[in-house]
Amino acid sequence: LFGGQLREFICAYIVTFTTSPILRKIEPFKLNFVVT
C-alpha cells in the first residue's frame, strides 16, 4: 500500500511474522506500552 513491490511484500511478511511472537514472549515481563 505504501509503494512496495513483491520483494518488499515478502520481506515485510518475514519481518512482521518474526517480530509478532517475540513481542508476545515479552508480555509476561509487564513492560509499559511505550517500552513494548
PDB file of all heavy atoms in Angstrom:
ATOM      1  N   LEU A   1       0.822  -1.205   0.000  1.00  0.00           N
ATOM      2  CA  LEU A   1       0.000   0.000   0.000  1.00  0.00           C
ATOM      3  C   LEU A   1       0.860   1.260   0.000  1.00  0.00           C
ATOM      4  O   LEU A   1       0.493   2.272  -0.612  1.00  0.00           O
ATOM      5  CB  LEU A   1      -0.912  -0.005   1.231  1.00  0.00           C
ATOM      6  CG  LEU A   1      -1.910   1.149   1.370  1.00  0.00           C
ATOM      7  CD1 LEU A   1      -2.931   1.127   0.235  1.00  0.00           C
ATOM      8  CD2 LEU A   1      -2.616   1.084   2.714  1.00  0.00           C
ATOM      9  N   PHE A   2       2.024   1.196   0.641  1.00  0.00           N
ATOM     10  CA  PHE A   2       2.914   2.353   0.709  1.00  0.00           C
ATOM     11  C   PHE A   2       3.964   2.361  -0.407  1.00  0.00           C
ATOM     12  O   PHE A   2       4.958   3.072  -0.302  1.00  0.00           O
ATOM     13  CB  PHE A   2       3.597   2.408   2.074  1.00  0.00           C
ATOM     14  CG  PHE A   2       2.676   2.808   3.188  1.00  0.00           C
ATOM     15  CD1 PHE A   2       2.244   1.884   4.119  1.00  0.00           C
ATOM     16  CD2 PHE A   2       2.229   4.120   3.300  1.00  0.00           C
ATOM     17  CE1 PHE A   2       1.386   2.252   5.147  1.00  0.00           C
ATOM     18  CE2 PHE A   2       1.372   4.499   4.325  1.00  0.00           C
ATOM     19  CZ  PHE A   2       0.947   3.562   5.247  1.00  0.00           C
ATOM     20  N   GLY A   3       3.744   1.563  -1.431  1.00  0.00           N
ATOM     21  CA  GLY A   3       4.598   1.634  -2.620  1.00  0.00           C
ATOM     22  C   GLY A   3       5.577   0.500  -2.808  1.00  0.00           C
ATOM     23  O   GLY A   3       6.397   0.538  -3.735  1.00  0.00           O
ATOM     24  N   GLY A   4       5.551  -0.503  -1.956  1.00  0.00           N
ATOM     25  CA  GLY A   4       6.472  -1.624  -2.086  1.00  0.00           C
ATOM     26  C   GLY A   4       6.097  -2.568  -3.225  1.00  0.00           C
ATOM     27  O   GLY A   4       4.957  -2.586  -3.690  1.00  0.00           O
ATOM     28  N   GLN A   5       7.071  -3.350  -3.660  1.00  0.00           N
ATOM     29  CA  GLN A   5       6.851  -4.345  -4.703  1.00  0.00           C
ATOM     30  C   GLN A   5       6.827  -5.744  -4.068  1.00  0.00           C
ATOM     31  O   GLN A   5       6.745  -5.884  -2.856  1.00  0.00           O
ATOM     32  CB  GLN A   5       7.947  -4.224  -5.770  1.00  0.00           C
ATOM     33  CG  GLN A   5       8.064  -2.850  -6.399  1.00  0.00           C
ATOM     34  CD  GLN A   5       6.783  -2.402  -7.090  1.00  0.00           C
ATOM     35  OE1 GLN A   5       6.142  -3.190  -7.791  1.00  0.00           O
ATOM     36  NE2 GLN A   5       6.408  -1.138  -6.900  1.00  0.00           N
ATOM     37  N   LEU A   6       6.917  -6.759  -4.913  1.00  0.00           N
ATOM     38  CA  LEU A   6       6.837  -8.139  -4.424  1.00  0.00           C
ATOM     39  C   LEU A   6       7.930  -8.447  -3.408  1.00  0.00           C
ATOM     40  O   LEU A   6       7.680  -9.087  -2.380  1.00  0.00           O
ATOM     41  CB  LEU A   6       6.930  -9.122  -5.596  1.00  0.00           C
ATOM     42  CG  LEU A   6       6.878 -10.617  -5.217  1.00  0.00           C
ATOM     43  CD1 LEU A   6       5.575 -10.949  -4.512  1.00  0.00           C
ATOM     44  CD2 LEU A   6       7.067 -11.482  -6.455  1.00  0.00           C
ATOM     45  N   ARG A   7       9.137  -7.948  -3.662  1.00  0.00           N
ATOM     46  CA  ARG A   7      10.253  -8.217  -2.736  1.00  0.00           C
ATOM     47  C   ARG A   7      10.002  -7.581  -1.373  1.00  0.00           C
ATOM     48  O   ARG A   7      10.277  -8.190  -0.333  1.00  0.00           O
ATOM     49  CB  ARG A   7      11.563  -7.720  -3.345  1.00  0.00           C
ATOM     50  CG  ARG A   7      12.003  -8.544  -4.563  1.00  0.00           C
ATOM     51  CD  ARG A   7      13.106  -7.865  -5.336  1.00  0.00           C
ATOM     52  NE  ARG A   7      14.341  -7.767  -4.567  1.00  0.00           N
ATOM     53  CZ  ARG A   7      15.471  -7.247  -5.067  1.00  0.00           C
ATOM     54  NH1 ARG A   7      15.488  -6.796  -6.314  1.00  0.00           N
ATOM     55  NH2 ARG A   7      16.552  -7.192  -4.319  1.00  0.00           N
ATOM     56  N   GLU A   8       9.462  -6.361  -1.379  1.00  0.00           N
ATOM     57  CA  GLU A   8       9.141  -5.703  -0.114  1.00  0.00           C
ATOM     58  C   GLU A   8       7.982  -6.425   0.596  1.00  0.00           C
ATOM     59  O   GLU A   8       7.968  -6.521   1.827  1.00  0.00           O
ATOM     60  CB  GLU A   8       8.759  -4.231  -0.349  1.00  0.00           C
ATOM     61  CG  GLU A   8       9.933  -3.306  -0.621  1.00  0.00           C
ATOM     62  CD  GLU A   8      10.549  -3.521  -1.992  1.00  0.00           C
ATOM     63  OE1 GLU A   8       9.775  -3.835  -2.936  1.00  0.00           O
ATOM     64  OE2 GLU A   8      11.780  -3.377  -2.134  1.00  0.00           O
ATOM     65  N   PHE A   9       7.040  -6.914  -0.204  1.00  0.00           N
ATOM     66  CA  PHE A   9       5.911  -7.669   0.358  1.00  0.00           C
ATOM     67  C   PHE A   9       6.413  -8.886   1.131  1.00  0.00           C
ATOM     68  O   PHE A   9       6.020  -9.122   2.288  1.00  0.00           O
ATOM     69  CB  PHE A   9       4.979  -8.110  -0.784  1.00  0.00           C
ATOM     70  CG  PHE A   9       3.820  -8.966  -0.341  1.00  0.00           C
ATOM     71  CD1 PHE A   9       2.612  -8.381   0.012  1.00  0.00           C
ATOM     72  CD2 PHE A   9       3.937 -10.341  -0.296  1.00  0.00           C
ATOM     73  CE1 PHE A   9       1.531  -9.173   0.405  1.00  0.00           C
ATOM     74  CE2 PHE A   9       2.872 -11.133   0.109  1.00  0.00           C
ATOM     75  CZ  PHE A   9       1.667 -10.545   0.465  1.00  0.00           C
ATOM     76  N   ILE A  10       7.302  -9.641   0.505  1.00  0.00           N
ATOM     77  CA  ILE A  10       7.835 -10.856   1.138  1.00  0.00           C
ATOM     78  C   ILE A  10       8.667 -10.509   2.373  1.00  0.00           C
ATOM     79  O   ILE A  10       8.540 -11.147   3.423  1.00  0.00           O
ATOM     80  CB  ILE A  10       8.682 -11.655   0.119  1.00  0.00           C
ATOM     81  CG1 ILE A  10       7.792 -12.148  -1.025  1.00  0.00           C
ATOM     82  CG2 ILE A  10       9.378 -12.825   0.805  1.00  0.00           C
ATOM     83  CD1 ILE A  10       8.555 -12.786  -2.168  1.00  0.00           C
ATOM     84  N   CYS A  11       9.487  -9.490   2.261  1.00  0.00           N
ATOM     85  CA  CYS A  11      10.339  -9.101   3.391  1.00  0.00           C
ATOM     86  C   CYS A  11       9.519  -8.582   4.561  1.00  0.00           C
ATOM     87  O   CYS A  11       9.808  -8.893   5.725  1.00  0.00           O
ATOM     88  CB  CYS A  11      11.349  -8.044   2.941  1.00  0.00           C
ATOM     89  SG  CYS A  11      12.630  -8.687   1.838  1.00  0.00           S
ATOM     90  N   ALA A  12       8.488  -7.780   4.264  1.00  0.00           N
ATOM     91  CA  ALA A  12       7.631  -7.268   5.329  1.00  0.00           C
ATOM     92  C   ALA A  12       6.911  -8.415   6.031  1.00  0.00           C
ATOM     93  O   ALA A  12       6.732  -8.397   7.254  1.00  0.00           O
ATOM     94  CB  ALA A  12       6.623  -6.274   4.768  1.00  0.00           C
ATOM     95  N   TYR A  13       6.516  -9.416   5.259  1.00  0.00           N
ATOM     96  CA  TYR A  13       5.867 -10.583   5.879  1.00  0.00           C
ATOM     97  C   TYR A  13       6.841 -11.289   6.823  1.00  0.00           C
ATOM     98  O   TYR A  13       6.483 -11.640   7.953  1.00  0.00           O
ATOM     99  CB  TYR A  13       5.389 -11.560   4.806  1.00  0.00           C
ATOM    100  CG  TYR A  13       4.661 -12.746   5.384  1.00  0.00           C
ATOM    101  CD1 TYR A  13       3.286 -12.708   5.565  1.00  0.00           C
ATOM    102  CD2 TYR A  13       5.351 -13.883   5.797  1.00  0.00           C
ATOM    103  CE1 TYR A  13       2.610 -13.777   6.135  1.00  0.00           C
ATOM    104  CE2 TYR A  13       4.690 -14.955   6.370  1.00  0.00           C
ATOM    105  CZ  TYR A  13       3.322 -14.893   6.526  1.00  0.00           C
ATOM    106  OH  TYR A  13       2.667 -15.949   7.104  1.00  0.00           O
ATOM    107  N   ILE A  14       8.062 -11.492   6.361  1.00  0.00           N
ATOM    108  CA  ILE A  14       9.069 -12.169   7.191  1.00  0.00           C
ATOM    109  C   ILE A  14       9.342 -11.380   8.470  1.00  0.00           C
ATOM    110  O   ILE A  14       9.387 -11.937   9.570  1.00  0.00           O
ATOM    111  CB  ILE A  14      10.378 -12.353   6.389  1.00  0.00           C
ATOM    112  CG1 ILE A  14      10.159 -13.316   5.225  1.00  0.00           C
ATOM    113  CG2 ILE A  14      11.499 -12.880   7.297  1.00  0.00           C
ATOM    114  CD1 ILE A  14      11.337 -13.399   4.263  1.00  0.00           C
ATOM    115  N   VAL A  15       9.509 -10.071   8.322  1.00  0.00           N
ATOM    116  CA  VAL A  15       9.823  -9.217   9.473  1.00  0.00           C
ATOM    117  C   VAL A  15       8.681  -9.231  10.489  1.00  0.00           C
ATOM    118  O   VAL A  15       8.892  -9.414  11.696  1.00  0.00           O
ATOM    119  CB  VAL A  15      10.105  -7.771   9.008  1.00  0.00           C
ATOM    120  CG1 VAL A  15      10.176  -6.832  10.206  1.00  0.00           C
ATOM    121  CG2 VAL A  15      11.411  -7.718   8.224  1.00  0.00           C
ATOM    122  N   THR A  16       7.459  -9.048  10.005  1.00  0.00           N
ATOM    123  CA  THR A  16       6.312  -8.982  10.917  1.00  0.00           C
ATOM    124  C   THR A  16       6.031 -10.343  11.547  1.00  0.00           C
ATOM    125  O   THR A  16       5.711 -10.436  12.741  1.00  0.00           O
ATOM    126  CB  THR A  16       5.062  -8.482  10.163  1.00  0.00           C
ATOM    127  OG1 THR A  16       5.415  -7.398   9.322  1.00  0.00           O
ATOM    128  CG2 THR A  16       4.003  -8.022  11.144  1.00  0.00           C
ATOM    129  N   PHE A  17       6.137 -11.396  10.749  1.00  0.00           N
ATOM    130  CA  PHE A  17       5.901 -12.747  11.252  1.00  0.00           C
ATOM    131  C   PHE A  17       6.927 -13.107  12.328  1.00  0.00           C
ATOM    132  O   PHE A  17       6.620 -13.835  13.278  1.00  0.00           O
ATOM    133  CB  PHE A  17       5.988 -13.745  10.092  1.00  0.00           C
ATOM    134  CG  PHE A  17       5.767 -15.171  10.504  1.00  0.00           C
ATOM    135  CD1 PHE A  17       4.484 -15.662  10.715  1.00  0.00           C
ATOM    136  CD2 PHE A  17       6.842 -16.024  10.687  1.00  0.00           C
ATOM    137  CE1 PHE A  17       4.278 -16.977  11.100  1.00  0.00           C
ATOM    138  CE2 PHE A  17       6.652 -17.337  11.070  1.00  0.00           C
ATOM    139  CZ  PHE A  17       5.363 -17.822  11.277  1.00  0.00           C
ATOM    140  N   THR A  18       8.125 -12.586  12.205  1.00  0.00           N
ATOM    141  CA  THR A  18       9.185 -12.855  13.187  1.00  0.00           C
ATOM    142  C   THR A  18       9.022 -11.996  14.435  1.00  0.00           C
ATOM    143  O   THR A  18       9.255 -12.460  15.558  1.00  0.00           O
ATOM    144  CB  THR A  18      10.565 -12.577  12.563  1.00  0.00           C
ATOM    145  OG1 THR A  18      10.692 -13.322  11.342  1.00  0.00           O
ATOM    146  CG2 THR A  18      11.680 -12.988  13.518  1.00  0.00           C
ATOM    147  N   THR A  19       8.621 -10.744  14.259  1.00  0.00           N
ATOM    148  CA  THR A  19       8.508  -9.820  15.387  1.00  0.00           C
ATOM    149  C   THR A  19       7.327 -10.151  16.292  1.00  0.00           C
ATOM    150  O   THR A  19       7.418 -10.033  17.527  1.00  0.00           O
ATOM    151  CB  THR A  19       8.373  -8.372  14.879  1.00  0.00           C
ATOM    152  OG1 THR A  19       9.485  -8.062  14.025  1.00  0.00           O
ATOM    153  CG2 THR A  19       8.333  -7.385  16.037  1.00  0.00           C
ATOM    154  N   SER A  20       6.224 -10.563  15.702  1.00  0.00           N
ATOM    155  CA  SER A  20       4.988 -10.807  16.462  1.00  0.00           C
ATOM    156  C   SER A  20       5.166 -11.781  17.630  1.00  0.00           C
ATOM    157  O   SER A  20       4.788 -11.460  18.766  1.00  0.00           O
ATOM    158  CB  SER A  20       3.879 -11.291  15.522  1.00  0.00           C
ATOM    159  OG  SER A  20       2.705 -11.586  16.230  1.00  0.00           O
ATOM    160  N   PRO A  21       5.753 -12.975  17.426  1.00  0.00           N
ATOM    161  CA  PRO A  21       5.918 -13.885  18.571  1.00  0.00           C
ATOM    162  C   PRO A  21       6.912 -13.382  19.615  1.00  0.00           C
ATOM    163  O   PRO A  21       6.777 -13.695  20.803  1.00  0.00           O
ATOM    164  CB  PRO A  21       6.418 -15.183  17.918  1.00  0.00           C
ATOM    165  CG  PRO A  21       6.988 -14.770  16.615  1.00  0.00           C
ATOM    166  CD  PRO A  21       6.180 -13.600  16.166  1.00  0.00           C
ATOM    167  N   ILE A  22       7.897 -12.593  19.181  1.00  0.00           N
ATOM    168  CA  ILE A  22       8.857 -12.049  20.150  1.00  0.00           C
ATOM    169  C   ILE A  22       8.164 -11.065  21.088  1.00  0.00           C
ATOM    170  O   ILE A  22       8.380 -11.086  22.303  1.00  0.00           O
ATOM    171  CB  ILE A  22      10.037 -11.364  19.422  1.00  0.00           C
ATOM    172  CG1 ILE A  22      10.822 -12.390  18.597  1.00  0.00           C
ATOM    173  CG2 ILE A  22      10.967 -10.680  20.431  1.00  0.00           C
ATOM    174  CD1 ILE A  22      11.931 -11.787  17.769  1.00  0.00           C
ATOM    175  N   LEU A  23       7.314 -10.218  20.526  1.00  0.00           N
ATOM    176  CA  LEU A  23       6.566  -9.270  21.353  1.00  0.00           C
ATOM    177  C   LEU A  23       5.647 -10.004  22.325  1.00  0.00           C
ATOM    178  O   LEU A  23       5.448  -9.566  23.460  1.00  0.00           O
ATOM    179  CB  LEU A  23       5.744  -8.331  20.463  1.00  0.00           C
ATOM    180  CG  LEU A  23       6.539  -7.315  19.638  1.00  0.00           C
ATOM    181  CD1 LEU A  23       5.605  -6.497  18.764  1.00  0.00           C
ATOM    182  CD2 LEU A  23       7.346  -6.396  20.546  1.00  0.00           C
ATOM    183  N   ARG A  24       5.091 -11.113  21.879  1.00  0.00           N
ATOM    184  CA  ARG A  24       4.224 -11.888  22.768  1.00  0.00           C
ATOM    185  C   ARG A  24       5.025 -12.527  23.898  1.00  0.00           C
ATOM    186  O   ARG A  24       4.539 -12.657  25.028  1.00  0.00           O
ATOM    187  CB  ARG A  24       3.484 -12.959  21.967  1.00  0.00           C
ATOM    188  CG  ARG A  24       2.388 -13.662  22.752  1.00  0.00           C
ATOM    189  CD  ARG A  24       1.530 -14.542  21.885  1.00  0.00           C
ATOM    190  NE  ARG A  24       2.293 -15.552  21.184  1.00  0.00           N
ATOM    191  CZ  ARG A  24       2.546 -15.539  19.885  1.00  0.00           C
ATOM    192  NH1 ARG A  24       2.089 -14.555  19.130  1.00  0.00           N
ATOM    193  NH2 ARG A  24       3.243 -16.501  19.309  1.00  0.00           N
ATOM    194  N   LYS A  25       6.265 -12.911  23.613  1.00  0.00           N
ATOM    195  CA  LYS A  25       7.113 -13.554  24.630  1.00  0.00           C
ATOM    196  C   LYS A  25       7.507 -12.585  25.746  1.00  0.00           C
ATOM    197  O   LYS A  25       7.781 -13.015  26.871  1.00  0.00           O
ATOM    198  CB  LYS A  25       8.380 -14.120  23.979  1.00  0.00           C
ATOM    199  CG  LYS A  25       8.142 -15.307  23.044  1.00  0.00           C
ATOM    200  CD  LYS A  25       7.662 -16.530  23.807  1.00  0.00           C
ATOM    201  CE  LYS A  25       7.532 -17.721  22.856  1.00  0.00           C
ATOM    202  NZ  LYS A  25       7.016 -18.922  23.589  1.00  0.00           N
ATOM    203  N   ILE A  26       7.542 -11.285  25.433  1.00  0.00           N
ATOM    204  CA  ILE A  26       7.952 -10.323  26.465  1.00  0.00           C
ATOM    205  C   ILE A  26       6.753  -9.818  27.275  1.00  0.00           C
ATOM    206  O   ILE A  26       6.944  -9.048  28.225  1.00  0.00           O
ATOM    207  CB  ILE A  26       8.711  -9.118  25.852  1.00  0.00           C
ATOM    208  CG1 ILE A  26       7.797  -8.273  24.973  1.00  0.00           C
ATOM    209  CG2 ILE A  26       9.931  -9.595  25.093  1.00  0.00           C
ATOM    210  CD1 ILE A  26       8.458  -7.013  24.450  1.00  0.00           C
ATOM    211  N   GLU A  27       5.540 -10.238  26.925  1.00  0.00           N
ATOM    212  CA  GLU A  27       4.357  -9.804  27.673  1.00  0.00           C
ATOM    213  C   GLU A  27       4.418 -10.158  29.158  1.00  0.00           C
ATOM    214  O   GLU A  27       3.992  -9.352  29.995  1.00  0.00           O
ATOM    215  CB  GLU A  27       3.088 -10.391  27.047  1.00  0.00           C
ATOM    216  CG  GLU A  27       2.685  -9.714  25.746  1.00  0.00           C
ATOM    217  CD  GLU A  27       1.426 -10.329  25.156  1.00  0.00           C
ATOM    218  OE1 GLU A  27       0.877 -11.274  25.778  1.00  0.00           O
ATOM    219  OE2 GLU A  27       1.003  -9.878  24.078  1.00  0.00           O
ATOM    220  N   PRO A  28       4.913 -11.354  29.537  1.00  0.00           N
ATOM    221  CA  PRO A  28       4.974 -11.681  30.972  1.00  0.00           C
ATOM    222  C   PRO A  28       5.827 -10.727  31.796  1.00  0.00           C
ATOM    223  O   PRO A  28       5.669 -10.654  33.020  1.00  0.00           O
ATOM    224  CB  PRO A  28       5.580 -13.101  30.976  1.00  0.00           C
ATOM    225  CG  PRO A  28       5.224 -13.671  29.655  1.00  0.00           C
ATOM    226  CD  PRO A  28       5.289 -12.508  28.703  1.00  0.00           C
ATOM    227  N   PHE A  29       6.730  -9.986  31.156  1.00  0.00           N
ATOM    228  CA  PHE A  29       7.567  -9.034  31.886  1.00  0.00           C
ATOM    229  C   PHE A  29       6.796  -7.764  32.273  1.00  0.00           C
ATOM    230  O   PHE A  29       7.299  -6.944  33.039  1.00  0.00           O
ATOM    231  CB  PHE A  29       8.791  -8.659  31.052  1.00  0.00           C
ATOM    232  CG  PHE A  29       9.727  -9.812  30.808  1.00  0.00           C
ATOM    233  CD1 PHE A  29       9.720 -10.493  29.601  1.00  0.00           C
ATOM    234  CD2 PHE A  29      10.613 -10.227  31.791  1.00  0.00           C
ATOM    235  CE1 PHE A  29      10.577 -11.556  29.366  1.00  0.00           C
ATOM    236  CE2 PHE A  29      11.477 -11.282  31.573  1.00  0.00           C
ATOM    237  CZ  PHE A  29      11.457 -11.956  30.361  1.00  0.00           C
ATOM    238  N   LYS A  30       5.572  -7.601  31.698  1.00  0.00           N
ATOM    239  CA  LYS A  30       4.681  -6.482  32.024  1.00  0.00           C
ATOM    240  C   LYS A  30       5.371  -5.124  31.871  1.00  0.00           C
ATOM    241  O   LYS A  30       5.316  -4.263  32.767  1.00  0.00           O
ATOM    242  CB  LYS A  30       4.114  -6.644  33.440  1.00  0.00           C
ATOM    243  CG  LYS A  30       3.298  -7.911  33.618  1.00  0.00           C
ATOM    244  CD  LYS A  30       2.605  -7.953  34.959  1.00  0.00           C
ATOM    245  CE  LYS A  30       1.837  -9.264  35.137  1.00  0.00           C
ATOM    246  NZ  LYS A  30       0.811  -9.476  34.118  1.00  0.00           N
ATOM    247  N   LEU A  31       6.048  -4.959  30.741  1.00  0.00           N
ATOM    248  CA  LEU A  31       6.659  -3.673  30.435  1.00  0.00           C
ATOM    249  C   LEU A  31       5.571  -2.672  30.060  1.00  0.00           C
ATOM    250  O   LEU A  31       4.496  -3.054  29.587  1.00  0.00           O
ATOM    251  CB  LEU A  31       7.652  -3.821  29.285  1.00  0.00           C
ATOM    252  CG  LEU A  31       8.777  -4.846  29.488  1.00  0.00           C
ATOM    253  CD1 LEU A  31       9.574  -4.999  28.202  1.00  0.00           C
ATOM    254  CD2 LEU A  31       9.687  -4.414  30.631  1.00  0.00           C
ATOM    255  N   ASN A  32       5.829  -1.385  30.258  1.00  0.00           N
ATOM    256  CA  ASN A  32       4.808  -0.406  29.874  1.00  0.00           C
ATOM    257  C   ASN A  32       4.714  -0.320  28.351  1.00  0.00           C
ATOM    258  O   ASN A  32       5.617  -0.737  27.622  1.00  0.00           O
ATOM    259  CB  ASN A  32       5.085   0.967  30.500  1.00  0.00           C
ATOM    260  CG  ASN A  32       6.332   1.626  29.945  1.00  0.00           C
ATOM    261  OD1 ASN A  32       6.394   1.985  28.768  1.00  0.00           O
ATOM    262  ND2 ASN A  32       7.337   1.802  30.781  1.00  0.00           N
ATOM    263  N   PHE A  33       3.607   0.229  27.869  1.00  0.00           N
ATOM    264  CA  PHE A  33       3.316   0.197  26.429  1.00  0.00           C
ATOM    265  C   PHE A  33       4.328   0.977  25.598  1.00  0.00           C
ATOM    266  O   PHE A  33       4.569   0.632  24.428  1.00  0.00           O
ATOM    267  CB  PHE A  33       1.897   0.688  26.155  1.00  0.00           C
ATOM    268  CG  PHE A  33       1.615   2.090  26.620  1.00  0.00           C
ATOM    269  CD1 PHE A  33       1.866   3.171  25.793  1.00  0.00           C
ATOM    270  CD2 PHE A  33       1.077   2.328  27.875  1.00  0.00           C
ATOM    271  CE1 PHE A  33       1.606   4.468  26.204  1.00  0.00           C
ATOM    272  CE2 PHE A  33       0.807   3.620  28.298  1.00  0.00           C
ATOM    273  CZ  PHE A  33       1.072   4.695  27.465  1.00  0.00           C
ATOM    274  N   VAL A  34       4.943   2.012  26.151  1.00  0.00           N
ATOM    275  CA  VAL A  34       5.942   2.775  25.396  1.00  0.00           C
ATOM    276  C   VAL A  34       7.179   1.911  25.144  1.00  0.00           C
ATOM    277  O   VAL A  34       7.691   1.835  24.024  1.00  0.00           O
ATOM    278  CB  VAL A  34       6.328   4.068  26.144  1.00  0.00           C
ATOM    279  CG1 VAL A  34       7.411   4.819  25.375  1.00  0.00           C
ATOM    280  CG2 VAL A  34       5.112   4.958  26.335  1.00  0.00           C
ATOM    281  N   VAL A  35       7.649   1.235  26.180  1.00  0.00           N
ATOM    282  CA  VAL A  35       8.830   0.373  26.054  1.00  0.00           C
ATOM    283  C   VAL A  35       8.545  -0.791  25.121  1.00  0.00           C
ATOM    284  O   VAL A  35       9.380  -1.154  24.280  1.00  0.00           O
ATOM    285  CB  VAL A  35       9.273  -0.138  27.439  1.00  0.00           C
ATOM    286  CG1 VAL A  35      10.428  -1.124  27.297  1.00  0.00           C
ATOM    287  CG2 VAL A  35       9.680   1.026  28.328  1.00  0.00           C
ATOM    288  N   THR A  36       7.351  -1.379  25.248  1.00  0.00           N
ATOM    289  CA  THR A  36       6.988  -2.513  24.388  1.00  0.00           C
ATOM    290  C   THR A  36       6.999  -2.119  22.924  1.00  0.00           C
ATOM    291  O   THR A  36       7.538  -2.845  22.071  1.00  0.00           O
ATOM    292  CB  THR A  36       5.594  -3.043  24.775  1.00  0.00           C
ATOM    293  OG1 THR A  36       5.604  -3.479  26.136  1.00  0.00           O
ATOM    294  CG2 THR A  36       5.210  -4.217  23.881  1.00  0.00           C
TER     295      THR A  36
END
